[in-house]
């Protein structure tokens, strides 16, 4: 049991070192500006989804007025689209 734990720990450390090295080498070839432009849009979409989910939870709790789920989804995706377009125009 102790031997298996030690083998697993060493294998995990070796895998982490190898993965870190591969990420380091691979990152030398990435266009950093393009990478951060894409990840910033993904993060904004993630944040917008959190806002939409929180609005849904507030509706279920009765803190805000409930609207049609379809209308709520349409509004959420329209906001996503508008935010992405605005940020896309700012970055280009």
N, C-alpha and C. Protein backbone atom coordinates (compact mmCIF):
# COMPACT_ATOMS: atom_id res chain seq x y z
N UNK A 1 0.82 -1.19 0.00
CA UNK A 1 0.00 0.00 0.00
C UNK A 1 0.87 1.26 0.00
N UNK A 2 1.89 1.26 0.87
CA UNK A 2 2.79 2.41 0.89
C UNK A 2 3.57 2.52 -0.41
N UNK A 3 3.96 1.36 -0.96
CA UNK A 3 4.71 1.37 -2.23
C UNK A 3 3.84 1.90 -3.36
N UNK A 4 2.57 1.49 -3.38
CA UNK A 4 1.66 1.98 -4.42
C UNK A 4 1.45 3.49 -4.31
N UNK A 5 1.35 3.97 -3.07
CA UNK A 5 1.18 5.42 -2.87
C UNK A 5 2.40 6.18 -3.37
N UNK A 6 3.59 5.65 -3.07
CA UNK A 6 4.83 6.31 -3.50
C UNK A 6 4.95 6.29 -5.02
N UNK A 7 4.62 5.15 -5.63
CA UNK A 7 4.68 5.05 -7.09
C UNK A 7 3.68 6.04 -7.72
N UNK A 8 2.49 6.11 -7.17
CA UNK A 8 1.49 7.05 -7.69
C UNK A 8 1.92 8.50 -7.53
N UNK A 9 2.51 8.83 -6.38
CA UNK A 9 2.98 10.19 -6.15
C UNK A 9 4.09 10.56 -7.12
N UNK A 10 5.05 9.65 -7.31
CA UNK A 10 6.15 9.92 -8.25
C UNK A 10 5.66 10.02 -9.69
N UNK A 11 4.72 9.16 -10.05
CA UNK A 11 4.15 9.22 -11.40
C UNK A 11 3.40 10.54 -11.61
N UNK A 12 2.69 11.00 -10.59
CA UNK A 12 1.97 12.27 -10.68
C UNK A 12 2.92 13.45 -10.82
N UNK A 13 4.00 13.43 -10.05
CA UNK A 13 4.99 14.50 -10.13
C UNK A 13 5.66 14.50 -11.50
N UNK A 14 6.01 13.32 -12.00
CA UNK A 14 6.64 13.22 -13.32
C UNK A 14 5.68 13.71 -14.40
N UNK A 15 4.41 13.34 -14.30
CA UNK A 15 3.43 13.79 -15.29
C UNK A 15 3.26 15.31 -15.23
N UNK A 16 3.26 15.89 -14.03
CA UNK A 16 3.12 17.34 -13.88
C UNK A 16 4.32 18.07 -14.48
N UNK A 17 5.51 17.53 -14.26
CA UNK A 17 6.72 18.15 -14.83
C UNK A 17 6.67 18.07 -16.36
N UNK A 18 6.31 16.91 -16.89
CA UNK A 18 6.22 16.76 -18.34
C UNK A 18 5.16 17.69 -18.93
N UNK A 19 3.99 17.75 -18.32
CA UNK A 19 2.93 18.62 -18.81
C UNK A 19 3.35 20.09 -18.73
N UNK A 20 3.99 20.48 -17.65
CA UNK A 20 4.47 21.86 -17.52
C UNK A 20 5.48 22.20 -18.60
N UNK A 21 6.39 21.28 -18.88
CA UNK A 21 7.38 21.50 -19.94
C UNK A 21 6.71 21.62 -21.30
N UNK A 22 5.75 20.74 -21.59
CA UNK A 22 5.06 20.79 -22.87
C UNK A 22 4.26 22.08 -23.03
N UNK A 23 3.63 22.54 -21.96
CA UNK A 23 2.90 23.81 -22.02
C UNK A 23 3.88 24.96 -22.24
N UNK A 24 5.02 24.93 -21.58
CA UNK A 24 6.02 25.98 -21.74
C UNK A 24 6.52 26.04 -23.17
N UNK A 25 6.87 24.89 -23.73
CA UNK A 25 7.38 24.84 -25.10
C UNK A 25 6.29 25.24 -26.09
N UNK A 26 5.08 24.75 -25.87
CA UNK A 26 3.98 25.08 -26.77
C UNK A 26 3.59 26.54 -26.71
N UNK A 27 3.75 27.17 -25.55
CA UNK A 27 3.35 28.57 -25.41
C UNK A 27 4.28 29.51 -26.17
N UNK A 28 5.45 29.05 -26.52
CA UNK A 28 6.37 29.88 -27.30
C UNK A 28 5.84 30.14 -28.71
N UNK A 29 4.98 29.25 -29.19
CA UNK A 29 4.47 29.34 -30.56
C UNK A 29 3.12 30.05 -30.65
N UNK A 30 2.52 30.42 -29.51
CA UNK A 30 1.18 30.99 -29.50
C UNK A 30 1.25 32.51 -29.66
N UNK A 31 0.36 33.04 -30.50
CA UNK A 31 0.19 34.49 -30.61
C UNK A 31 -0.55 34.95 -29.36
N UNK A 32 0.14 35.63 -28.46
CA UNK A 32 -0.39 35.98 -27.16
C UNK A 32 -1.59 36.92 -27.27
N UNK A 33 -1.53 37.89 -28.18
CA UNK A 33 -2.64 38.83 -28.33
C UNK A 33 -3.91 38.11 -28.76
N UNK A 34 -3.79 37.23 -29.72
CA UNK A 34 -4.97 36.48 -30.18
C UNK A 34 -5.49 35.56 -29.07
N UNK A 35 -4.59 34.93 -28.33
CA UNK A 35 -4.98 34.05 -27.23
C UNK A 35 -5.80 34.80 -26.19
N UNK A 36 -5.33 35.97 -25.77
CA UNK A 36 -6.04 36.72 -24.75
C UNK A 36 -7.33 37.33 -25.28
N UNK A 37 -7.38 37.69 -26.56
CA UNK A 37 -8.64 38.16 -27.15
C UNK A 37 -9.70 37.07 -27.07
N UNK A 38 -9.33 35.87 -27.43
CA UNK A 38 -10.29 34.76 -27.43
C UNK A 38 -10.69 34.40 -26.00
N UNK A 39 -9.72 34.30 -25.10
CA UNK A 39 -10.07 33.93 -23.72
C UNK A 39 -10.87 35.02 -23.02
N UNK A 40 -10.66 36.28 -23.38
CA UNK A 40 -11.47 37.33 -22.76
C UNK A 40 -12.92 37.21 -23.19
N UNK A 41 -13.17 36.87 -24.45
CA UNK A 41 -14.55 36.68 -24.91
C UNK A 41 -15.17 35.48 -24.20
N UNK A 42 -14.42 34.41 -24.04
CA UNK A 42 -14.94 33.23 -23.35
C UNK A 42 -15.29 33.58 -21.89
N UNK A 43 -14.44 34.35 -21.24
CA UNK A 43 -14.72 34.75 -19.86
C UNK A 43 -15.94 35.65 -19.77
N UNK A 44 -16.11 36.54 -20.74
CA UNK A 44 -17.29 37.40 -20.73
C UNK A 44 -18.55 36.58 -20.92
N UNK A 45 -18.51 35.61 -21.82
CA UNK A 45 -19.67 34.73 -22.01
C UNK A 45 -19.97 33.93 -20.74
N UNK A 46 -18.93 33.48 -20.08
CA UNK A 46 -19.10 32.75 -18.83
C UNK A 46 -19.75 33.64 -17.79
N UNK A 47 -19.29 34.88 -17.68
CA UNK A 47 -19.88 35.82 -16.73
C UNK A 47 -21.33 36.14 -17.07
N UNK A 48 -21.63 36.28 -18.35
CA UNK A 48 -23.00 36.54 -18.76
C UNK A 48 -23.91 35.36 -18.42
N UNK A 49 -23.38 34.16 -18.56
CA UNK A 49 -24.17 32.98 -18.20
C UNK A 49 -24.44 32.95 -16.70
N UNK A 50 -23.45 33.36 -15.91
CA UNK A 50 -23.66 33.43 -14.46
C UNK A 50 -24.74 34.45 -14.11
N UNK A 51 -24.74 35.58 -14.81
CA UNK A 51 -25.77 36.59 -14.56
C UNK A 51 -27.15 36.04 -14.93
N UNK A 52 -27.23 35.35 -16.08
CA UNK A 52 -28.51 34.78 -16.51
C UNK A 52 -29.00 33.74 -15.49
N UNK A 53 -28.10 32.90 -15.01
CA UNK A 53 -28.48 31.90 -14.01
C UNK A 53 -28.91 32.55 -12.70
N UNK A 54 -28.24 33.62 -12.32
CA UNK A 54 -28.64 34.28 -11.07
C UNK A 54 -30.01 34.94 -11.23
N UNK A 55 -30.31 35.49 -12.41
CA UNK A 55 -31.64 36.05 -12.65
C UNK A 55 -32.69 34.96 -12.54
N UNK A 56 -32.39 33.79 -13.08
CA UNK A 56 -33.32 32.66 -12.98
C UNK A 56 -33.55 32.27 -11.52
N UNK A 57 -32.48 32.22 -10.75
CA UNK A 57 -32.62 31.86 -9.33
C UNK A 57 -33.41 32.91 -8.56
N UNK A 58 -33.20 34.19 -8.88
CA UNK A 58 -33.97 35.25 -8.24
C UNK A 58 -35.45 35.14 -8.60
N UNK A 59 -35.74 34.73 -9.84
CA UNK A 59 -37.13 34.52 -10.25
C UNK A 59 -37.75 33.37 -9.46
N UNK A 60 -37.01 32.29 -9.30
CA UNK A 60 -37.54 31.16 -8.54
C UNK A 60 -37.76 31.52 -7.07
N UNK A 61 -36.91 32.38 -6.52
CA UNK A 61 -37.06 32.79 -5.13
C UNK A 61 -38.16 33.83 -4.95
N UNK A 62 -38.67 34.36 -6.06
CA UNK A 62 -39.73 35.36 -5.98
C UNK A 62 -39.23 36.76 -5.70
N UNK A 63 -37.93 36.99 -5.86
CA UNK A 63 -37.38 38.32 -5.60
C UNK A 63 -37.55 39.26 -6.79
N UNK A 64 -37.63 38.70 -7.99
CA UNK A 64 -37.92 39.51 -9.17
C UNK A 64 -39.06 38.84 -9.93
N UNK A 65 -39.73 39.64 -10.77
CA UNK A 65 -40.89 39.14 -11.49
C UNK A 65 -40.48 38.10 -12.52
N UNK A 66 -41.23 37.03 -12.59
CA UNK A 66 -40.90 35.94 -13.51
C UNK A 66 -41.44 36.26 -14.89
N UNK A 67 -40.59 36.01 -15.90
CA UNK A 67 -41.01 36.16 -17.29
C UNK A 67 -40.93 34.80 -17.96
N UNK A 68 -41.39 34.73 -19.17
CA UNK A 68 -41.38 33.47 -19.92
C UNK A 68 -39.96 32.94 -20.04
N UNK A 69 -39.75 31.63 -19.83
CA UNK A 69 -38.40 31.07 -19.98
C UNK A 69 -37.83 31.28 -21.37
N UNK A 70 -38.68 31.19 -22.39
CA UNK A 70 -38.20 31.40 -23.76
C UNK A 70 -37.76 32.85 -23.94
N UNK A 71 -38.55 33.79 -23.45
CA UNK A 71 -38.18 35.19 -23.55
C UNK A 71 -36.91 35.47 -22.77
N UNK A 72 -36.79 34.87 -21.61
CA UNK A 72 -35.58 35.03 -20.80
C UNK A 72 -34.35 34.53 -21.54
N UNK A 73 -34.47 33.37 -22.20
CA UNK A 73 -33.34 32.82 -22.96
C UNK A 73 -32.99 33.72 -24.14
N UNK A 74 -34.00 34.22 -24.83
CA UNK A 74 -33.76 35.10 -25.98
C UNK A 74 -33.05 36.38 -25.53
N UNK A 75 -33.50 36.96 -24.43
CA UNK A 75 -32.87 38.17 -23.92
C UNK A 75 -31.43 37.89 -23.52
N UNK A 76 -31.19 36.75 -22.84
CA UNK A 76 -29.84 36.41 -22.40
C UNK A 76 -28.89 36.28 -23.58
N UNK A 77 -29.32 35.54 -24.61
CA UNK A 77 -28.43 35.35 -25.76
C UNK A 77 -28.28 36.62 -26.58
N UNK A 78 -29.27 37.47 -26.61
CA UNK A 78 -29.13 38.76 -27.29
C UNK A 78 -28.09 39.61 -26.58
N UNK A 79 -28.10 39.57 -25.25
CA UNK A 79 -27.11 40.32 -24.48
C UNK A 79 -25.71 39.75 -24.73
N UNK A 80 -25.58 38.41 -24.75
CA UNK A 80 -24.28 37.80 -25.05
C UNK A 80 -23.76 38.31 -26.39
N UNK A 81 -24.64 38.24 -27.38
CA UNK A 81 -24.25 38.61 -28.73
C UNK A 81 -23.82 40.07 -28.79
N UNK A 82 -24.58 40.95 -28.14
CA UNK A 82 -24.25 42.37 -28.13
C UNK A 82 -22.92 42.63 -27.45
N UNK A 83 -22.69 41.98 -26.32
CA UNK A 83 -21.42 42.16 -25.60
C UNK A 83 -20.25 41.69 -26.45
N UNK A 84 -20.39 40.53 -27.08
CA UNK A 84 -19.31 40.02 -27.91
C UNK A 84 -19.04 40.96 -29.09
N UNK A 85 -20.09 41.46 -29.73
CA UNK A 85 -19.88 42.38 -30.85
C UNK A 85 -19.20 43.67 -30.41
N UNK A 86 -19.62 44.20 -29.27
CA UNK A 86 -19.01 45.44 -28.78
C UNK A 86 -17.54 45.21 -28.47
N UNK A 87 -17.22 44.12 -27.80
CA UNK A 87 -15.81 43.85 -27.46
C UNK A 87 -15.00 43.52 -28.70
N UNK A 88 -15.60 42.83 -29.64
CA UNK A 88 -14.88 42.47 -30.86
C UNK A 88 -14.50 43.74 -31.62
N UNK A 89 -15.41 44.70 -31.70
CA UNK A 89 -15.12 45.95 -32.41
C UNK A 89 -14.06 46.76 -31.66
N UNK A 90 -14.06 46.71 -30.34
CA UNK A 90 -13.06 47.44 -29.56
C UNK A 90 -11.67 46.88 -29.77
N UNK A 91 -11.55 45.57 -29.93
CA UNK A 91 -10.24 44.93 -29.99
C UNK A 91 -9.64 44.97 -31.39
N UNK A 92 -10.47 45.17 -32.41
CA UNK A 92 -9.93 45.17 -33.78
C UNK A 92 -9.69 46.57 -34.26
